[in-house]
Amino acid sequence: MNFFDGKRIGVIGLDAMHAVALTKFINTNTLPRYAGYRVVAAYPHAGTIPEDRKERVAGYIQTVQGLGVKMVDSIGELLRQVDFVILTSNNGYVHLEQAAPVLEARKLLFIDKPIAATLEDTRAIFRLSEQYNTPVFSSSALRFIDSLRDLKNENIGDILGAQTFSPASTKPDLPDLLWYGIHGIEMLYAVMGTGCATVTRTATPDFDYVVGVWEDGRIGSYRGMRKGRTGFGGTVYGSRKNSVLGGFGGYEPLAAAVLDFFQTGRPPVSPRETIEMITFIMAAEESKQHNGRTIHIKNI
């Protein structure tokens, strides 16, 4: 099968505003290189919706329908109508179940963060990707902010280390940093790359401070905030100069990265990096559970 015969996109899970933002960009953009790409169908279900979110989710569905998207009753029906899939279900615990038929049908797949709610499910998704020879990638929108994308043009030299920060609200059924802290940790990995050896986390009710030591001796740190004025940013330390990372400017760069992936079949984030990033988060959770003990990633 040729991945690139069509340009029809389907969305799974309309319980997150990310689904609305990505659909809006794709269906209204006028960039010539993305001509013809369109979200045409959506399977809105993503597990149980909390009562206090039902009205908001109904609004998401209505907005997406207003962009010309047809609602379908099953993932199977969706797959018969589309060429590519975006999975945006808020509940990371259903991602493996929802991703499996997409990969089996050999449809290129983007999964919004987090790729899954467990490390085991994360690895299983990439095993399916390999089994069916169908690329998949997952990312936070923060990986594609302008200041990160522009690093290569700043002549900072070798990257010696980095620190990032972000809001870090939590969700009771998830490891703490997998819900919102993942945004800042994704920024950290976008700079540092793979190779983290140990993770140490200091946690209080309002703040987290996570330090990773890479195998080559570099240090990367993440500060998560649940109090005070929050935002997204950080500093990259280079051998020639340092560079400040700016804030979040919207979902358009992520949407563009997804469409580039659908055009080329080349994921902008490797499976190895995504798996290690989720492992980093799980190691930070274990460090907290053991009162700040240093955790070796290879033991997770």
Protein backbone atom coordinates (compact mmCIF):
# COMPACT_ATOMS: atom_id res chain seq x y z
CA MET A 1 0.00 0.00 0.00
CA ASN A 2 1.14 3.52 -0.76
CA PHE A 3 0.71 5.71 2.34
CA PHE A 4 0.39 8.81 0.18
CA ASP A 5 -2.45 8.00 -2.23
CA GLY A 6 -4.91 10.30 -0.47
CA LYS A 7 -5.16 13.30 1.82
CA ARG A 8 -8.19 12.47 3.95
CA ILE A 9 -7.60 12.68 7.69
CA GLY A 10 -9.64 11.16 10.51
CA VAL A 11 -9.62 12.14 14.19
CA ILE A 12 -10.17 9.78 17.12
CA GLY A 13 -11.32 11.36 20.39
CA LEU A 14 -12.98 14.77 20.56
CA ASP A 15 -12.79 15.26 24.33
CA ALA A 16 -9.76 17.58 24.12
CA MET A 17 -9.43 21.06 22.68
CA HIS A 18 -6.30 19.89 20.86
CA ALA A 19 -8.61 18.06 18.45
CA VAL A 20 -10.39 21.31 17.68
CA ALA A 21 -7.16 23.29 17.24
CA LEU A 22 -5.56 20.75 14.89
CA THR A 23 -8.73 20.31 12.85
CA LYS A 24 -9.20 24.06 12.51
CA PHE A 25 -5.66 24.56 11.20
CA ILE A 26 -5.87 21.68 8.75
CA ASN A 27 -9.30 22.56 7.36
CA THR A 28 -8.74 26.31 7.06
CA ASN A 29 -5.06 26.64 6.13
CA THR A 30 -4.18 28.07 2.72
CA LEU A 31 -0.53 27.01 2.52
CA PRO A 32 0.16 25.52 -0.94
CA ARG A 33 2.26 22.66 0.42
CA TYR A 34 -0.72 21.37 2.40
CA ALA A 35 -3.31 21.82 -0.33
CA GLY A 36 -5.95 19.10 -0.27
CA TYR A 37 -5.34 17.81 3.24
CA ARG A 38 -8.56 17.83 5.21
CA VAL A 39 -10.09 16.28 8.30
CA VAL A 40 -13.19 14.59 6.89
CA ALA A 41 -14.36 12.27 9.67
CA ALA A 42 -14.10 11.84 13.43
CA TYR A 43 -14.87 9.15 15.96
CA PRO A 44 -15.68 11.33 18.98
CA HIS A 45 -15.61 8.74 21.75
CA ALA A 46 -12.68 8.51 24.15
CA GLY A 47 -13.91 6.60 27.16
CA THR A 48 -15.95 7.94 30.05
CA ILE A 49 -16.40 11.72 30.06
CA PRO A 50 -16.58 13.29 33.55
CA GLU A 51 -19.92 14.98 34.20
CA ASP A 52 -18.33 18.41 34.61
CA ARG A 53 -16.73 18.16 31.14
CA LYS A 54 -19.69 16.88 29.11
CA GLU A 55 -20.95 20.32 28.10
CA ARG A 56 -17.45 21.38 27.05
CA VAL A 57 -16.91 18.21 25.02
CA ALA A 58 -20.28 18.71 23.31
CA GLY A 59 -19.01 22.13 22.29
CA TYR A 60 -15.84 20.61 20.83
CA ILE A 61 -17.91 18.19 18.76
CA GLN A 62 -20.16 20.97 17.52
CA THR A 63 -17.17 23.10 16.54
CA VAL A 64 -15.54 20.25 14.62
CA GLN A 65 -18.80 19.49 12.83
CA GLY A 66 -18.93 23.16 11.85
CA LEU A 67 -15.58 22.66 10.12
CA GLY A 68 -17.18 20.10 7.81
CA VAL A 69 -16.24 16.94 9.70
CA LYS A 70 -18.59 13.94 9.69
CA MET A 71 -19.10 11.99 12.94
CA VAL A 72 -18.86 8.18 12.70
CA ASP A 73 -19.88 5.42 15.09
CA SER A 74 -16.74 3.29 15.17
CA ILE A 75 -13.02 3.36 14.51
CA GLY A 76 -13.57 0.74 11.82
CA GLU A 77 -15.97 3.04 9.98
CA LEU A 78 -13.49 5.90 10.34
CA LEU A 79 -10.68 3.84 8.84
CA ARG A 80 -12.74 3.06 5.74
CA GLN A 81 -13.10 6.79 5.04
CA VAL A 82 -9.62 8.21 5.70
CA ASP A 83 -5.96 7.90 4.72
CA PHE A 84 -4.32 9.21 7.93
CA VAL A 85 -5.32 9.40 11.58
CA ILE A 86 -4.85 11.85 14.46
CA LEU A 87 -5.57 10.41 17.91
CA THR A 88 -6.38 13.06 20.51
CA SER A 89 -8.31 11.16 23.20
CA ASN A 90 -7.64 12.77 26.58
CA ASN A 91 -7.46 9.40 28.32
CA GLY A 92 -4.01 7.94 27.75
CA TYR A 93 -5.22 4.57 29.01
CA VAL A 94 -7.28 4.04 25.82
CA HIS A 95 -4.53 5.03 23.38
CA LEU A 96 -3.16 1.52 22.79
CA GLU A 97 -6.65 0.11 22.25
CA GLN A 98 -7.52 2.90 19.81
CA ALA A 99 -4.16 2.93 18.03
CA ALA A 100 -4.00 -0.82 17.37
CA PRO A 101 -6.63 -0.99 14.59
CA VAL A 102 -5.18 2.13 12.95
CA LEU A 103 -1.73 0.59 12.70
CA GLU A 104 -3.16 -2.77 11.64
CA ALA A 105 -4.92 -0.92 8.81
CA ARG A 106 -1.54 0.64 7.95
CA LYS A 107 -2.64 4.25 8.37
CA LEU A 108 0.04 6.75 9.41
CA LEU A 109 -0.80 7.84 12.95
CA PHE A 110 -0.12 10.88 15.12
CA ILE A 111 -0.93 10.48 18.84
CA ASP A 112 -1.28 13.61 20.92
CA LYS A 113 0.58 13.66 24.21
CA PRO A 114 0.97 11.48 26.15
CA ILE A 115 1.47 8.62 23.74
CA ALA A 116 0.05 6.35 26.44
CA ALA A 117 -0.58 6.26 30.18
CA THR A 118 1.99 3.55 30.89
CA LEU A 119 5.46 2.65 29.68
CA GLU A 120 4.21 -0.83 28.77
CA ASP A 121 1.52 0.60 26.48
CA THR A 122 4.05 3.00 24.95
CA ARG A 123 6.34 0.14 24.02
CA ALA A 124 3.39 -1.89 22.73
CA ILE A 125 2.34 0.90 20.36
CA PHE A 126 5.81 1.02 18.83
CA ARG A 127 5.92 -2.77 18.55
CA LEU A 128 2.69 -2.62 16.54
CA SER A 129 4.17 0.16 14.42
CA GLU A 130 7.14 -2.06 13.63
CA GLN A 131 4.98 -5.15 13.11
CA TYR A 132 2.80 -3.42 10.53
CA ASN A 133 5.62 -1.31 9.08
CA THR A 134 3.54 1.81 9.72
CA PRO A 135 5.17 4.88 11.27
CA VAL A 136 3.66 6.60 14.30
CA PHE A 137 4.78 9.57 16.31
CA SER A 138 3.67 11.43 19.40
CA SER A 139 4.57 14.84 20.75
CA SER A 140 3.55 17.82 22.80
CA ALA A 141 3.00 21.02 20.84
CA LEU A 142 5.80 22.58 22.93
CA ARG A 143 8.44 20.63 20.99
CA PHE A 144 7.71 22.83 17.99
CA ILE A 145 7.78 26.32 19.53
CA ASP A 146 9.74 28.87 17.51
CA SER A 147 12.64 29.23 19.95
CA LEU A 148 13.30 25.47 19.85
CA ARG A 149 13.01 25.23 16.08
CA ASP A 150 15.34 28.21 15.67
CA LEU A 151 18.11 26.79 17.88
CA LYS A 152 19.97 25.39 14.87
CA ASN A 153 20.28 28.90 13.46
CA GLU A 154 21.67 30.49 16.62
CA ASN A 155 25.20 29.10 16.44
CA ILE A 156 25.24 28.18 20.12
CA GLY A 157 27.76 25.40 19.55
CA ASP A 158 27.57 22.04 21.26
CA ILE A 159 24.64 21.73 23.65
CA LEU A 160 26.09 21.30 27.14
CA GLY A 161 22.85 21.28 29.12
CA ALA A 162 19.39 22.77 29.50
CA GLN A 163 16.70 23.67 31.98
CA THR A 164 13.00 23.98 31.16
CA PHE A 165 9.86 24.90 33.07
CA SER A 166 6.12 24.55 32.60
CA PRO A 167 2.85 24.28 34.49
CA ALA A 168 2.58 20.88 36.16
CA SER A 169 -1.03 20.27 37.14
CA THR A 170 -1.71 16.61 37.85
CA LYS A 171 -4.46 14.06 37.28
CA PRO A 172 -5.18 11.49 40.02
CA ASP A 173 -5.04 8.39 37.81
CA LEU A 174 -1.78 9.30 36.03
CA PRO A 175 1.88 9.61 37.05
CA ASP A 176 2.22 13.26 38.09
CA LEU A 177 4.29 14.60 35.22
CA LEU A 178 2.53 12.65 32.47
CA TRP A 179 -0.50 14.95 32.44
CA TYR A 180 0.94 18.47 32.09
CA GLY A 181 4.58 18.35 33.12
CA ILE A 182 5.19 16.37 29.94
CA HIS A 183 5.12 19.66 28.03
CA GLY A 184 8.25 20.95 29.76
CA ILE A 185 9.92 17.55 29.66
CA GLU A 186 9.26 17.32 25.92
CA MET A 187 11.05 20.67 25.57
CA LEU A 188 13.97 19.28 27.58
CA TYR A 189 14.25 16.22 25.34
CA ALA A 190 13.94 18.32 22.19
CA VAL A 191 17.15 20.02 23.32
CA MET A 192 19.08 17.24 25.03
CA GLY A 193 18.13 14.20 22.96
CA THR A 194 18.39 10.65 24.26
CA GLY A 195 20.97 9.24 26.62
CA CYS A 196 19.71 10.13 30.10
CA ALA A 197 21.15 7.78 32.71
CA THR A 198 19.68 8.89 36.06
CA VAL A 199 16.70 10.91 37.29
CA THR A 200 16.27 12.60 40.67
CA ARG A 201 13.09 14.43 41.68
CA THR A 202 12.39 16.84 44.51
CA ALA A 203 8.63 17.28 44.99
CA THR A 204 6.47 19.52 47.16
CA PRO A 205 2.70 20.12 46.87
CA ASP A 206 3.28 23.17 44.66
CA PHE A 207 6.51 22.45 42.79
CA ASP A 208 8.65 19.75 41.19
CA TYR A 209 12.33 19.88 40.35
CA VAL A 210 13.67 17.00 38.28
CA VAL A 211 17.34 16.57 37.40
CA GLY A 212 18.53 14.20 34.71
CA VAL A 213 22.18 13.28 34.26
CA TRP A 214 23.02 12.13 30.75
CA GLU A 215 25.52 9.36 30.00
CA ASP A 216 28.00 11.91 28.63
CA GLY A 217 27.91 13.95 31.84
CA ARG A 218 25.53 16.67 30.67
CA ILE A 219 22.77 17.77 33.03
CA GLY A 220 19.21 18.66 32.08
CA SER A 221 16.62 19.85 34.57
CA TYR A 222 12.88 20.49 34.62
CA ARG A 223 10.89 22.70 37.01
CA GLY A 224 7.14 22.07 37.26
CA MET A 225 4.86 24.65 38.86
CA ARG A 226 1.40 24.37 40.38
CA LYS A 227 1.47 27.75 42.12
CA GLY A 228 2.24 31.32 41.10
CA ARG A 229 2.56 32.66 37.61
CA THR A 230 3.34 29.79 35.29
CA GLY A 231 4.29 29.52 31.65
CA PHE A 232 6.62 27.68 29.30
CA GLY A 233 10.30 28.40 28.81
CA GLY A 234 13.85 27.59 29.72
CA THR A 235 17.53 28.07 28.92
CA VAL A 236 19.83 26.11 26.64
CA TYR A 237 23.53 26.15 27.52
CA GLY A 238 25.85 25.96 24.51
CA SER A 239 29.62 25.85 24.10
CA ARG A 240 29.54 29.24 22.32
CA LYS A 241 26.56 30.94 23.95
CA ASN A 242 23.33 30.36 25.84
CA SER A 243 19.83 30.70 24.43
CA VAL A 244 16.53 31.49 26.12
CA LEU A 245 13.49 29.42 25.20
CA GLY A 246 10.26 31.37 24.73
CA GLY A 247 6.64 30.55 25.42
CA PHE A 248 3.83 28.78 23.64
CA GLY A 249 2.49 30.44 20.51
CA GLY A 250 -0.28 28.09 19.41
CA TYR A 251 -0.88 24.73 17.76
CA GLU A 252 -0.07 25.67 14.18
CA PRO A 253 3.57 24.44 14.27
CA LEU A 254 2.44 21.06 15.64
CA ALA A 255 -0.28 20.78 13.00
CA ALA A 256 2.29 21.59 10.32
CA ALA A 257 4.62 18.90 11.70
CA VAL A 258 1.78 16.37 11.58
CA LEU A 259 0.99 17.23 7.95
CA ASP A 260 4.69 17.04 7.05
CA PHE A 261 4.72 13.56 8.61
CA PHE A 262 1.68 12.54 6.57
CA GLN A 263 3.43 13.81 3.42
CA THR A 264 6.76 12.07 3.98
CA GLY A 265 6.16 9.18 6.37
CA ARG A 266 9.16 10.35 8.39
CA PRO A 267 8.38 10.92 12.09
CA PRO A 268 10.01 14.10 13.49
CA VAL A 269 10.49 12.31 16.82
CA SER A 270 12.08 8.86 16.96
CA PRO A 271 10.49 5.94 18.83
CA ARG A 272 13.64 5.72 20.95
CA GLU A 273 13.29 9.32 22.11
CA THR A 274 9.59 9.03 22.92
CA ILE A 275 10.12 5.79 24.85
CA GLU A 276 13.01 7.31 26.81
CA MET A 277 11.02 10.44 27.59
CA ILE A 278 8.16 8.37 29.04
CA THR A 279 10.75 6.34 30.96
CA PHE A 280 12.19 9.62 32.34
CA ILE A 281 8.71 10.56 33.60
CA MET A 282 8.19 7.15 35.19
CA ALA A 283 11.63 7.37 36.82
CA ALA A 284 10.68 10.78 38.24
CA GLU A 285 7.52 9.22 39.69
CA GLU A 286 9.55 6.45 41.30
CA SER A 287 12.05 8.97 42.68
CA LYS A 288 9.20 10.84 44.37
CA GLN A 289 7.81 7.63 45.84
CA HIS A 290 11.24 6.96 47.36
CA ASN A 291 11.71 10.44 48.85
CA GLY A 292 13.95 11.81 46.12
CA ARG A 293 16.14 8.78 45.54
CA THR A 294 18.20 8.83 42.34
CA ILE A 295 16.71 6.36 39.87
CA HIS A 296 18.65 4.67 37.07
CA ILE A 297 16.57 4.76 33.89
CA LYS A 298 17.78 1.33 32.80
CA ASN A 299 16.01 -0.13 35.86
CA ILE A 300 12.56 1.20 34.88
